[in-house]
C-alpha atoms as a PDB file:
ATOM      1  CA  MET A   1     101.388 -26.781 207.738  1.00  0.00           C
ATOM      2  CA  SER A   2     101.626 -23.101 207.081  1.00  0.00           C
ATOM      3  CA  ARG A   3     104.493 -21.010 208.500  1.00  0.00           C
ATOM      4  CA  LEU A   4     103.884 -17.297 209.486  1.00  0.00           C
ATOM      5  CA  ILE A   5     106.872 -15.259 208.091  1.00  0.00           C
ATOM      6  CA  ARG A   6     107.326 -12.219 210.026  1.00  0.00           C
ATOM      7  CA  SER A   7     108.930  -9.191 208.199  1.00  0.00           C
ATOM      8  CA  ASN A   8     112.065  -7.479 209.348  1.00  0.00           C
ATOM      9  CA  PRO A   9     111.666  -4.089 210.667  1.00  0.00           C
ATOM     10  CA  ILE A  10     115.236  -3.021 209.475  1.00  0.00           C
ATOM     11  CA  GLN A  11     114.325  -4.164 205.932  1.00  0.00           C
ATOM     12  CA  ARG A  12     111.096  -2.222 205.894  1.00  0.00           C
ATOM     13  CA  ASN A  13     112.989   0.921 206.695  1.00  0.00           C
ATOM     14  CA  ARG A  14     115.604   0.469 204.182  1.00  0.00           C
ATOM     15  CA  SER A  15     113.150  -0.251 201.514  1.00  0.00           C
ATOM     16  CA  ARG A  16     111.071   2.939 202.561  1.00  0.00           C
ATOM     17  CA  ASP A  17     114.313   5.006 202.592  1.00  0.00           C
ATOM     18  CA  PHE A  18     115.277   3.823 199.064  1.00  0.00           C
ATOM     19  CA  ARG A  19     111.856   4.711 197.682  1.00  0.00           C
ATOM     20  CA  VAL A  20     112.061   8.164 199.219  1.00  0.00           C
ATOM     21  CA  ILE A  21     115.481   8.680 197.495  1.00  0.00           C
ATOM     22  CA  VAL A  22     114.344   7.674 194.253  1.00  0.00           C
ATOM     23  CA  LEU A  23     111.291   9.835 194.546  1.00  0.00           C
ATOM     24  CA  LEU A  24     113.416  12.863 195.447  1.00  0.00           C
ATOM     25  CA  PHE A  25     115.709  12.088 192.543  1.00  0.00           C
ATOM     26  CA  PHE A  26     112.996  12.061 189.957  1.00  0.00           C
ATOM     27  CA  VAL A  27     111.235  15.139 191.403  1.00  0.00           C
ATOM     28  CA  THR A  28     114.493  17.070 191.164  1.00  0.00           C
ATOM     29  CA  LEU A  29     115.309  15.889 187.795  1.00  0.00           C
ATOM     30  CA  GLY A  30     111.852  16.472 186.602  1.00  0.00           C
ATOM     31  CA  GLY A  31     112.111  20.155 187.918  1.00  0.00           C
ATOM     32  CA  SER A  32     115.357  20.847 186.328  1.00  0.00           C
ATOM     33  CA  ILE A  33     114.441  19.819 182.740  1.00  0.00           C
ATOM     34  CA  PRO A  34     111.600  22.430 182.174  1.00  0.00           C
ATOM     35  CA  ALA A  35     113.837  25.138 183.845  1.00  0.00           C
ATOM     36  CA  ARG A  36     116.749  24.472 181.396  1.00  0.00           C
ATOM     37  CA  SER A  37     114.364  24.279 178.388  1.00  0.00           C
ATOM     38  CA  SER A  38     112.739  27.546 179.271  1.00  0.00           C
ATOM     39  CA  MET A  39     116.165  29.166 179.693  1.00  0.00           C
ATOM     40  CA  ALA A  40     117.198  27.605 176.111  1.00  0.00           C
ATOM     41  CA  GLN A  41     114.021  29.013 174.664  1.00  0.00           C
ATOM     42  CA  THR A  42     114.453  32.361 176.076  1.00  0.00           C
ATOM     43  CA  SER A  43     117.913  32.664 174.960  1.00  0.00           C
ATOM     44  CA  THR A  44     117.096  31.601 171.356  1.00  0.00           C
ATOM     45  CA  SER A  45     114.122  34.030 171.350  1.00  0.00           C
ATOM     46  CA  GLN A  46     116.525  36.739 172.540  1.00  0.00           C
ATOM     47  CA  SER A  47     119.127  36.039 169.901  1.00  0.00           C
ATOM     48  CA  SER A  48     116.523  35.987 167.131  1.00  0.00           C
ATOM     49  CA  SER A  49     115.124  39.338 168.233  1.00  0.00           C
ATOM     50  CA  VAL A  50     118.600  40.840 168.270  1.00  0.00           C
ATOM     51  CA  VAL A  51     119.250  39.578 164.719  1.00  0.00           C
ATOM     52  CA  LEU A  52     115.964  41.110 163.337  1.00  0.00           C
ATOM     53  CA  SER A  53     116.454  44.085 165.240  1.00  0.00           C
ATOM     54  CA  ASN A  54     120.003  44.661 163.758  1.00  0.00           C
ATOM     55  CA  VAL A  55     118.806  43.938 160.216  1.00  0.00           C
ATOM     56  CA  ALA A  56     115.806  46.375 160.710  1.00  0.00           C
ATOM     57  CA  GLN A  57     118.212  49.100 162.040  1.00  0.00           C
ATOM     58  CA  GLY A  58     120.600  48.496 159.083  1.00  0.00           C
ATOM     59  CA  ASN A  59     123.384  47.136 161.525  1.00  0.00           C
ATOM     60  CA  VAL A  60     124.187  44.230 159.072  1.00  0.00           C
ATOM     61  CA  PRO A  61     127.768  42.873 158.737  1.00  0.00           C
ATOM     62  CA  PRO A  62     129.790  43.846 155.698  1.00  0.00           C
ATOM     63  CA  VAL A  63     129.839  41.419 152.633  1.00  0.00           C
ATOM     64  CA  ASP A  64     132.296  38.831 153.074  1.00  0.00           C
ATOM     65  CA  THR A  65     134.565  39.145 149.980  1.00  0.00           C
ATOM     66  CA  ASN A  66     136.090  35.567 150.596  1.00  0.00           C
ATOM     67  CA  VAL A  67     132.898  33.806 150.197  1.00  0.00           C
ATOM     68  CA  SER A  68     131.838  32.634 146.565  1.00  0.00           C
ATOM     69  CA  TYR A  69     128.241  31.695 145.411  1.00  0.00           C
ATOM     70  CA  GLU A  70     127.580  29.210 142.720  1.00  0.00           C
ATOM     71  CA  GLY A  71     125.123  29.891 139.971  1.00  0.00           C
ATOM     72  CA  PHE A  72     124.744  29.914 136.100  1.00  0.00           C
ATOM     73  CA  SER A  73     124.661  32.624 133.390  1.00  0.00           C
ATOM     74  CA  GLU A  74     121.842  33.305 131.057  1.00  0.00           C
ATOM     75  CA  ALA A  75     121.070  35.604 128.153  1.00  0.00           C
ATOM     76  CA  ILE A  76     119.821  39.074 128.982  1.00  0.00           C
ATOM     77  CA  GLN A  77     116.954  38.382 126.421  1.00  0.00           C
ATOM     78  CA  ASP A  78     115.979  34.846 125.436  1.00  0.00           C
ATOM     79  CA  VAL A  79     112.734  34.468 123.143  1.00  0.00           C
ATOM     80  CA  ASN A  80     110.964  31.938 121.144  1.00  0.00           C
ATOM     81  CA  LEU A  81     109.615  33.752 118.118  1.00  0.00           C
ATOM     82  CA  SER A  82     106.690  32.803 115.879  1.00  0.00           C
ATOM     83  CA  THR A  83     104.733  34.383 113.048  1.00  0.00           C
ATOM     84  CA  GLU A  84     101.438  36.441 113.593  1.00  0.00           C
ATOM     85  CA  GLU A  85      99.608  34.251 111.187  1.00  0.00           C
ATOM     86  CA  VAL A  86      99.588  30.395 110.552  1.00  0.00           C
ATOM     87  CA  GLY A  87     100.428  28.824 107.218  1.00  0.00           C
ATOM     88  CA  GLN A  88     103.358  27.258 105.292  1.00  0.00           C
ATOM     89  CA  LEU A  89     106.782  28.592 105.397  1.00  0.00           C
ATOM     90  CA  VAL A  90     108.387  29.340 102.224  1.00  0.00           C
ATOM     91  CA  ASP A  91     111.777  30.582 103.498  1.00  0.00           C
ATOM     92  CA  VAL A  92     113.620  30.549 106.719  1.00  0.00           C
ATOM     93  CA  PRO A  93     117.056  32.405 105.589  1.00  0.00           C
ATOM     94  CA  VAL A  94     118.938  31.936 108.856  1.00  0.00           C
ATOM     95  CA  THR A  95     121.332  29.267 110.184  1.00  0.00           C
ATOM     96  CA  LEU A  96     122.218  28.082 113.727  1.00  0.00           C
ATOM     97  CA  GLY A  97     124.433  30.698 115.320  1.00  0.00           C
ATOM     98  CA  GLN A  98     123.928  33.294 112.824  1.00  0.00           C
ATOM     99  CA  LEU A  99     123.797  36.943 113.887  1.00  0.00           C
ATOM    100  CA  VAL A 100     120.629  38.890 112.797  1.00  0.00           C
ATOM    101  CA  ARG A 101     119.920  42.509 113.101  1.00  0.00           C
ATOM    102  CA  LYS A 102     116.716  44.101 114.452  1.00  0.00           C
ATOM    103  CA  GLY A 103     114.182  44.175 111.598  1.00  0.00           C
ATOM    104  CA  ASP A 104     115.844  41.444 109.581  1.00  0.00           C
ATOM    105  CA  VAL A 105     113.284  38.888 108.046  1.00  0.00           C
ATOM    106  CA  ILE A 106     114.079  35.698 109.598  1.00  0.00           C
ATOM    107  CA  ALA A 107     111.099  33.641 108.314  1.00  0.00           C
ATOM    108  CA  GLN A 108     108.574  34.027 105.570  1.00  0.00           C
ATOM    109  CA  LEU A 109     105.188  32.484 105.136  1.00  0.00           C
ATOM    110  CA  ASP A 110     103.333  31.818 101.856  1.00  0.00           C
ATOM    111  CA  ASP A 111     101.703  35.218 100.931  1.00  0.00           C
ATOM    112  CA  ARG A 112     100.730  34.899  97.239  1.00  0.00           C
ATOM    113  CA  LEU A 113      97.044  35.024  97.866  1.00  0.00           C
ATOM    114  CA  ASP A 114      97.527  38.236 100.075  1.00  0.00           C
ATOM    115  CA  ARG A 115      99.894  39.802  97.221  1.00  0.00           C
ATOM    116  CA  ALA A 116      96.953  39.159  94.621  1.00  0.00           C
ATOM    117  CA  SER A 117      94.418  40.738  96.849  1.00  0.00           C
ATOM    118  CA  VAL A 118      96.854  43.819  97.287  1.00  0.00           C
ATOM    119  CA  GLU A 119      97.131  44.386  93.449  1.00  0.00           C
ATOM    120  CA  VAL A 120      93.379  44.334  93.168  1.00  0.00           C
ATOM    121  CA  SER A 121      92.863  46.825  96.079  1.00  0.00           C
ATOM    122  CA  ARG A 122      95.724  49.036  94.583  1.00  0.00           C
ATOM    123  CA  MET A 123      93.913  49.261  91.326  1.00  0.00           C
ATOM    124  CA  GLN A 124      90.588  50.023  92.885  1.00  0.00           C
ATOM    125  CA  ALA A 125      92.251  52.813  95.098  1.00  0.00           C
ATOM    126  CA  SER A 126      93.776  54.390  92.050  1.00  0.00           C
ATOM    127  CA  MET A 127      90.567  54.492  90.128  1.00  0.00           C
ATOM    128  CA  GLU A 128      89.196  58.092  89.743  1.00  0.00           C
ATOM    129  CA  GLY A 129      86.339  57.685  87.247  1.00  0.00           C
ATOM    130  CA  GLU A 130      83.576  58.115  89.758  1.00  0.00           C
ATOM    131  CA  ILE A 131      85.164  61.300  91.199  1.00  0.00           C
ATOM    132  CA  ARG A 132      85.623  62.899  87.767  1.00  0.00           C
ATOM    133  CA  ALA A 133      81.873  62.051  86.719  1.00  0.00           C
ATOM    134  CA  ALA A 134      80.634  63.483  90.109  1.00  0.00           C
ATOM    135  CA  LEU A 135      82.680  66.511  89.645  1.00  0.00           C
ATOM    136  CA  ALA A 136      81.351  67.255  86.034  1.00  0.00           C
ATOM    137  CA  THR A 137      77.791  66.501  87.087  1.00  0.00           C
ATOM    138  CA  ARG A 138      78.163  68.998  89.914  1.00  0.00           C
ATOM    139  CA  GLN A 139      79.746  71.789  87.695  1.00  0.00           C
ATOM    140  CA  MET A 140      76.893  71.414  85.257  1.00  0.00           C
ATOM    141  CA  GLN A 141      74.172  71.658  87.905  1.00  0.00           C
ATOM    142  CA  GLN A 142      76.021  74.705  89.522  1.00  0.00           C
ATOM    143  CA  PHE A 143      75.912  76.397  86.056  1.00  0.00           C
ATOM    144  CA  ARG A 144      72.350  75.716  85.581  1.00  0.00           C
ATOM    145  CA  VAL A 145      71.514  76.976  88.924  1.00  0.00           C
ATOM    146  CA  GLU A 146      73.501  80.358  88.134  1.00  0.00           C
ATOM    147  CA  GLN A 147      71.546  80.624  84.761  1.00  0.00           C
ATOM    148  CA  LEU A 148      68.272  80.083  86.260  1.00  0.00           C
ATOM    149  CA  SER A 149      68.847  82.568  88.945  1.00  0.00           C
ATOM    150  CA  GLN A 150      69.607  85.177  86.555  1.00  0.00           C
ATOM    151  CA  LEU A 151      66.434  84.324  84.445  1.00  0.00           C
ATOM    152  CA  ARG A 152      64.381  84.414  87.736  1.00  0.00           C
ATOM    153  CA  ASP A 153      65.788  87.805  88.375  1.00  0.00           C
ATOM    154  CA  ASP A 154      64.599  88.812  84.880  1.00  0.00           C
ATOM    155  CA  GLN A 155      61.178  87.034  85.583  1.00  0.00           C
ATOM    156  CA  MET A 156      61.831  84.844  82.764  1.00  0.00           C
ATOM    157  CA  ALA A 157      61.961  81.446  84.817  1.00  0.00           C
ATOM    158  CA  GLY A 158      59.737  80.031  87.536  1.00  0.00           C
ATOM    159  CA  VAL A 159      60.399  79.647  91.113  1.00  0.00           C
ATOM    160  CA  ASP A 160      59.811  75.893  91.006  1.00  0.00           C
ATOM    161  CA  GLU A 161      62.230  75.268  88.141  1.00  0.00           C
ATOM    162  CA  LEU A 162      64.897  77.181  90.204  1.00  0.00           C
ATOM    163  CA  ARG A 163      64.148  75.183  93.182  1.00  0.00           C
ATOM    164  CA  ARG A 164      64.572  71.877  91.374  1.00  0.00           C
ATOM    165  CA  ALA A 165      67.933  72.942  89.845  1.00  0.00           C
ATOM    166  CA  GLN A 166      69.107  73.833  93.481  1.00  0.00           C
ATOM    167  CA  THR A 167      67.978  70.507  94.815  1.00  0.00           C
ATOM    168  CA  GLU A 168      69.820  68.565  91.717  1.00  0.00           C
ATOM    169  CA  LEU A 169      72.895  70.480  92.547  1.00  0.00           C
ATOM    170  CA  ALA A 170      72.660  69.327  96.263  1.00  0.00           C
ATOM    171  CA  ILE A 171      72.361  65.887  95.119  1.00  0.00           C
ATOM    172  CA  SER A 172      75.389  66.017  92.680  1.00  0.00           C
ATOM    173  CA  GLU A 173      77.516  67.496  95.551  1.00  0.00           C
ATOM    174  CA  ALA A 174      76.432  64.536  97.661  1.00  0.00           C
ATOM    175  CA  ARG A 175      77.330  62.094  95.059  1.00  0.00           C
ATOM    176  CA  LEU A 176      80.747  63.760  94.660  1.00  0.00           C
ATOM    177  CA  LEU A 177      81.258  63.369  98.423  1.00  0.00           C
ATOM    178  CA  VAL A 178      80.278  59.730  98.213  1.00  0.00           C
ATOM    179  CA  ALA A 179      82.775  59.069  95.460  1.00  0.00           C
ATOM    180  CA  GLN A 180      85.590  60.576  97.563  1.00  0.00           C
ATOM    181  CA  GLU A 181      84.678  58.643 100.607  1.00  0.00           C
ATOM    182  CA  GLN A 182      84.771  55.321  98.572  1.00  0.00           C
ATOM    183  CA  GLN A 183      88.332  56.223  97.395  1.00  0.00           C
ATOM    184  CA  ARG A 184      89.444  56.818 100.985  1.00  0.00           C
ATOM    185  CA  LEU A 185      87.935  53.503 102.030  1.00  0.00           C
ATOM    186  CA  ARG A 186      89.699  51.734  99.269  1.00  0.00           C
ATOM    187  CA  GLN A 187      92.913  53.315 100.283  1.00  0.00           C
ATOM    188  CA  VAL A 188      92.350  52.094 103.959  1.00  0.00           C
ATOM    189  CA  GLU A 189      91.677  48.742 102.577  1.00  0.00           C
ATOM    190  CA  LEU A 190      94.870  48.716 100.424  1.00  0.00           C
ATOM    191  CA  GLU A 191      96.886  49.717 103.685  1.00  0.00           C
ATOM    192  CA  ARG A 192      95.165  46.718 105.649  1.00  0.00           C
ATOM    193  CA  LEU A 193      96.166  44.297 102.997  1.00  0.00           C
ATOM    194  CA  GLU A 194      99.685  45.562 103.019  1.00  0.00           C
ATOM    195  CA  LEU A 195      99.755  45.018 106.798  1.00  0.00           C
ATOM    196  CA  GLN A 196      98.396  41.558 106.320  1.00  0.00           C
ATOM    197  CA  ILE A 197     101.383  40.805 103.986  1.00  0.00           C
ATOM    198  CA  GLU A 198     103.731  42.185 106.580  1.00  0.00           C
ATOM    199  CA  ARG A 199     102.304  39.898 109.219  1.00  0.00           C
ATOM    200  CA  ARG A 200     103.312  36.919 107.062  1.00  0.00           C
ATOM    201  CA  LYS A 201     106.892  37.915 107.699  1.00  0.00           C
ATOM    202  CA  LEU A 202     108.668  37.145 110.914  1.00  0.00           C
ATOM    203  CA  ARG A 203     111.241  39.993 111.815  1.00  0.00           C
ATOM    204  CA  ALA A 204     114.063  39.908 114.354  1.00  0.00           C
ATOM    205  CA  PRO A 205     112.827  42.100 117.479  1.00  0.00           C
ATOM    206  CA  PHE A 206     116.484  42.798 118.521  1.00  0.00           C
ATOM    207  CA  ASP A 207     120.091  42.088 117.511  1.00  0.00           C
ATOM    208  CA  GLY A 208     120.839  38.537 118.439  1.00  0.00           C
ATOM    209  CA  LEU A 209     122.092  35.089 117.663  1.00  0.00           C
ATOM    210  CA  VAL A 210     119.966  32.139 116.323  1.00  0.00           C
ATOM    211  CA  ALA A 211     120.028  29.653 119.177  1.00  0.00           C
ATOM    212  CA  GLU A 212     117.495  27.054 117.806  1.00  0.00           C
ATOM    213  CA  LYS A 213     115.702  26.670 114.409  1.00  0.00           C
ATOM    214  CA  SER A 214     112.402  24.653 115.178  1.00  0.00           C
ATOM    215  CA  LEU A 215     110.817  24.830 111.673  1.00  0.00           C
ATOM    216  CA  ASP A 216     112.212  25.277 108.223  1.00  0.00           C
ATOM    217  CA  ALA A 217     110.864  25.975 104.688  1.00  0.00           C
ATOM    218  CA  GLY A 218     108.091  23.811 103.652  1.00  0.00           C
ATOM    219  CA  GLU A 219     106.808  23.132 107.159  1.00  0.00           C
ATOM    220  CA  ALA A 220     103.764  24.643 108.426  1.00  0.00           C
ATOM    221  CA  VAL A 221     103.219  26.917 111.467  1.00  0.00           C
ATOM    222  CA  THR A 222     100.104  25.693 113.254  1.00  0.00           C
ATOM    223  CA  PRO A 223      98.372  26.576 116.554  1.00  0.00           C
ATOM    224  CA  THR A 224      99.975  23.611 118.166  1.00  0.00           C
ATOM    225  CA  ASN A 225     103.394  24.190 116.430  1.00  0.00           C
ATOM    226  CA  LEU A 226     103.942  27.752 116.672  1.00  0.00           C
ATOM    227  CA  VAL A 227     107.725  28.403 117.515  1.00  0.00           C
ATOM    228  CA  VAL A 228     109.967  28.984 114.460  1.00  0.00           C
ATOM    229  CA  ILE A 229     113.129  30.603 115.756  1.00  0.00           C
ATOM    230  CA  ARG A 230     114.761  30.911 119.309  1.00  0.00           C
ATOM    231  CA  LEU A 231     116.733  34.203 119.352  1.00  0.00           C
ATOM    232  CA  VAL A 232     119.139  35.156 122.169  1.00  0.00           C
ATOM    233  CA  ARG A 233     120.893  38.344 123.005  1.00  0.00           C
ATOM    234  CA  VAL A 234     124.380  37.767 124.379  1.00  0.00           C
ATOM    235  CA  ASP A 235     126.007  41.306 124.202  1.00  0.00           C
ATOM    236  CA  LYS A 236     125.109  41.282 128.053  1.00  0.00           C
ATOM    237  CA  LEU A 237     124.699  38.185 130.346  1.00  0.00           C
ATOM    238  CA  ILE A 238     122.825  37.673 133.659  1.00  0.00           C
ATOM    239  CA  GLY A 239     124.331  35.589 136.317  1.00  0.00           C
ATOM    240  CA  VAL A 240     121.879  33.994 138.685  1.00  0.00           C
ATOM    241  CA  PHE A 241     123.006  33.177 142.169  1.00  0.00           C
ATOM    242  CA  ASN A 242     121.299  31.757 145.397  1.00  0.00           C
ATOM    243  CA  VAL A 243     122.621  33.550 148.217  1.00  0.00           C
ATOM    244  CA  PRO A 244     121.870  32.554 151.847  1.00  0.00           C
ATOM    245  CA  ALA A 245     119.393  34.927 153.216  1.00  0.00           C
ATOM    246  CA  GLU A 246     121.564  36.084 156.144  1.00  0.00           C
ATOM    247  CA  ARG A 247     124.200  37.282 153.667  1.00  0.00           C
ATOM    248  CA  SER A 248     121.916  38.788 151.263  1.00  0.00           C
ATOM    249  CA  PHE A 249     121.169  41.725 153.508  1.00  0.00           C
ATOM    250  CA  ALA A 250     124.492  43.389 152.936  1.00  0.00           C
ATOM    251  CA  MET A 251     124.334  43.148 149.257  1.00  0.00           C
ATOM    252  CA  LYS A 252     122.702  45.909 147.205  1.00  0.00           C
ATOM    253  CA  PRO A 253     122.020  46.750 143.438  1.00  0.00           C
ATOM    254  CA  GLY A 254     125.090  48.228 141.881  1.00  0.00           C
ATOM    255  CA  LEU A 255     127.640  46.372 143.974  1.00  0.00           C
ATOM    256  CA  ALA A 256     130.607  45.440 141.968  1.00  0.00           C
ATOM    257  CA  THR A 257     131.438  41.743 141.640  1.00  0.00           C
ATOM    258  CA  GLN A 258     133.774  39.204 140.136  1.00  0.00           C
ATOM    259  CA  VAL A 259     132.326  36.267 138.205  1.00  0.00           C
ATOM    260  CA  TYR A 260     134.221  33.171 137.181  1.00  0.00           C
ATOM    261  CA  PHE A 261     132.918  31.304 134.299  1.00  0.00           C
ATOM    262  CA  ARG A 262     134.049  27.561 134.619  1.00  0.00           C
ATOM    263  CA  ALA A 263     133.691  26.507 130.680  1.00  0.00           C
ATOM    264  CA  ALA A 264     135.309  29.713 129.477  1.00  0.00           C
ATOM    265  CA  ARG A 265     137.881  29.631 132.428  1.00  0.00           C
ATOM    266  CA  GLU A 266     137.694  33.430 132.639  1.00  0.00           C
ATOM    267  CA  THR A 267     137.013  35.919 135.488  1.00  0.00           C
ATOM    268  CA  VAL A 268     135.095  39.071 134.515  1.00  0.00           C
ATOM    269  CA  ASP A 269     133.614  42.064 136.441  1.00  0.00           C
ATOM    270  CA  GLY A 270     129.887  42.316 137.016  1.00  0.00           C
ATOM    271  CA  VAL A 271     127.347  44.405 138.897  1.00  0.00           C
ATOM    272  CA  ILE A 272     124.514  43.266 140.997  1.00  0.00           C
ATOM    273  CA  ASP A 273     121.462  44.315 138.854  1.00  0.00           C
ATOM    274  CA  SER A 274     118.600  43.042 141.315  1.00  0.00           C
ATOM    275  CA  ILE A 275     117.937  41.060 144.460  1.00  0.00           C
ATOM    276  CA  SER A 276     114.845  39.172 145.185  1.00  0.00           C
ATOM    277  CA  PRO A 277     112.593  40.653 147.777  1.00  0.00           C
ATOM    278  CA  VAL A 278     111.693  37.214 149.010  1.00  0.00           C
ATOM    279  CA  ILE A 279     113.285  34.357 150.665  1.00  0.00           C
ATOM    280  CA  ASN A 280     112.974  30.860 149.277  1.00  0.00           C
ATOM    281  CA  GLY A 281     111.321  28.858 152.225  1.00  0.00           C
ATOM    282  CA  GLU A 282     112.771  25.573 151.118  1.00  0.00           C
ATOM    283  CA  SER A 283     116.376  26.472 150.536  1.00  0.00           C
ATOM    284  CA  GLY A 284     116.609  29.609 152.796  1.00  0.00           C
ATOM    285  CA  THR A 285     118.285  31.691 149.965  1.00  0.00           C
ATOM    286  CA  VAL A 286     117.659  34.921 147.988  1.00  0.00           C
ATOM    287  CA  GLN A 287     118.158  35.087 144.315  1.00  0.00           C
ATOM    288  CA  VAL A 288     120.648  37.750 143.259  1.00  0.00           C
ATOM    289  CA  ARG A 289     120.929  38.637 139.592  1.00  0.00           C
ATOM    290  CA  VAL A 290     124.331  40.170 138.294  1.00  0.00           C
ATOM    291  CA  ARG A 291     124.689  41.795 134.968  1.00  0.00           C
ATOM    292  CA  ILE A 292     127.819  40.914 132.957  1.00  0.00           C
ATOM    293  CA  ASP A 293     129.128  42.753 130.040  1.00  0.00           C
ATOM    294  CA  ASN A 294     129.908  40.503 127.086  1.00  0.00           C
ATOM    295  CA  GLN A 295     130.401  42.721 124.007  1.00  0.00           C
ATOM    296  CA  ASP A 296     133.166  40.564 122.665  1.00  0.00           C
ATOM    297  CA  GLY A 297     130.898  37.434 122.714  1.00  0.00           C
ATOM    298  CA  LYS A 298     133.399  35.125 124.591  1.00  0.00           C
ATOM    299  CA  LEU A 299     131.026  34.079 127.166  1.00  0.00           C
ATOM    300  CA  ARG A 300     128.168  31.845 126.661  1.00  0.00           C
ATOM    301  CA  PRO A 301     124.649  31.824 128.354  1.00  0.00           C
ATOM    302  CA  GLY A 302     124.080  28.607 130.505  1.00  0.00           C
ATOM    303  CA  ASP A 303     127.674  28.471 131.734  1.00  0.00           C
ATOM    304  CA  ARG A 304     128.179  27.341 135.445  1.00  0.00           C
ATOM    305  CA  CYS A 305     129.970  30.309 137.404  1.00  0.00           C
ATOM    306  CA  SER A 306     130.676  31.479 140.798  1.00  0.00           C
ATOM    307  CA  MET A 307     130.497  34.963 142.055  1.00  0.00           C
ATOM    308  CA  ARG A 308     132.018  37.012 144.835  1.00  0.00           C
ATOM    309  CA  VAL A 309     131.870  40.652 145.780  1.00  0.00           C
ATOM    310  CA  SER A 310     134.731  42.657 144.552  1.00  0.00           C
ATOM    311  CA  PRO A 311     137.209  43.607 147.454  1.00  0.00           C
ATOM    312  CA  VAL A 312     138.182  46.801 145.716  1.00  0.00           C
ATOM    313  CA  GLN A 313     134.717  48.095 146.222  1.00  0.00           C
ATOM    314  CA  GLN A 314     134.498  47.049 149.706  1.00  0.00           C
ATOM    315  CA  ILE A 315     137.582  49.368 150.452  1.00  0.00           C
ATOM    316  CA  THR A 316     136.069  52.244 148.465  1.00  0.00           C
ATOM    317  CA  GLN A 317     132.939  52.171 150.554  1.00  0.00           C
ATOM    318  CA  ARG A 318     134.835  51.941 153.802  1.00  0.00           C
ATOM    319  CA  GLU A 319     136.806  54.977 152.704  1.00  0.00           C
ATOM    320  CA  LYS A 320     133.494  56.928 151.845  1.00  0.00           C
ATOM    321  CA  ARG A 321     132.066  55.973 155.285  1.00  0.00           C
ATOM    322  CA  LEU A 322     135.294  57.235 156.732  1.00  0.00           C
ATOM    323  CA  GLN A 323     135.029  60.564 154.871  1.00  0.00           C
ATOM    324  CA  ARG A 324     131.483  61.041 156.003  1.00  0.00           C
END
């Protein structure tokens, strides 16, 4: 037997009122979130525009002299040297750490065959037999033409005979010219072979220290094994630092800095040499390169170091602005 269950009107009203309240709550909440998000985005966009506008107008904050930036040092010149030719090394007269001067021979390839070719070419360039013979022939033909011309004036020689003598004189002059040109060619060939010998030597392109010695006497320079010496110039060093992009706008080339070398435990003066025009997208930094004097050679490339802008210079710049 089924029973009919009647719903209570009071309960239905309470349920309806609850649903209305919940609906109003979600509507109110849903409307407030986009409004707040829009306000936040507008605020962020405005602040970014202000920063970019300030940078564009040059209204950037001064360099913070209390902030230091980490980096490392490198030699102002660091090159791997190889001979211009391939072959077997007969001498590498340098040692690791040795100071070499610009133009010093620091490696020598076997050049015996080239030297023999130079001797042959030098002898050929010094030969003058052909030129002397051509000169004698020309003088004889010139004298013959003069004699026949005189006889022709006296009507004692024919025109054809004089013409043949003049032709032979022209031929002798051409042979003399050929002999002179051949001698010049032999001289040029001698210079080429002497240059070939010079290419068998490896000379230091600048004053520096031998950092690595990859090949020694008896070893061969091949297309797959070219590097003989690594040479570094350390009278000046370059400090490489990655500065946050927002701080790099206040830095300019020529700005004085102080650089601390960890291994050497020494603080030295430096000058900003260059600033990269691009920002590293991954790190958000800009590479700043600082030039450091190292005439005494106490500092070494590769040392970890930290850099900060010199406060003395900041005062000087402030005074200059006040004077203006």
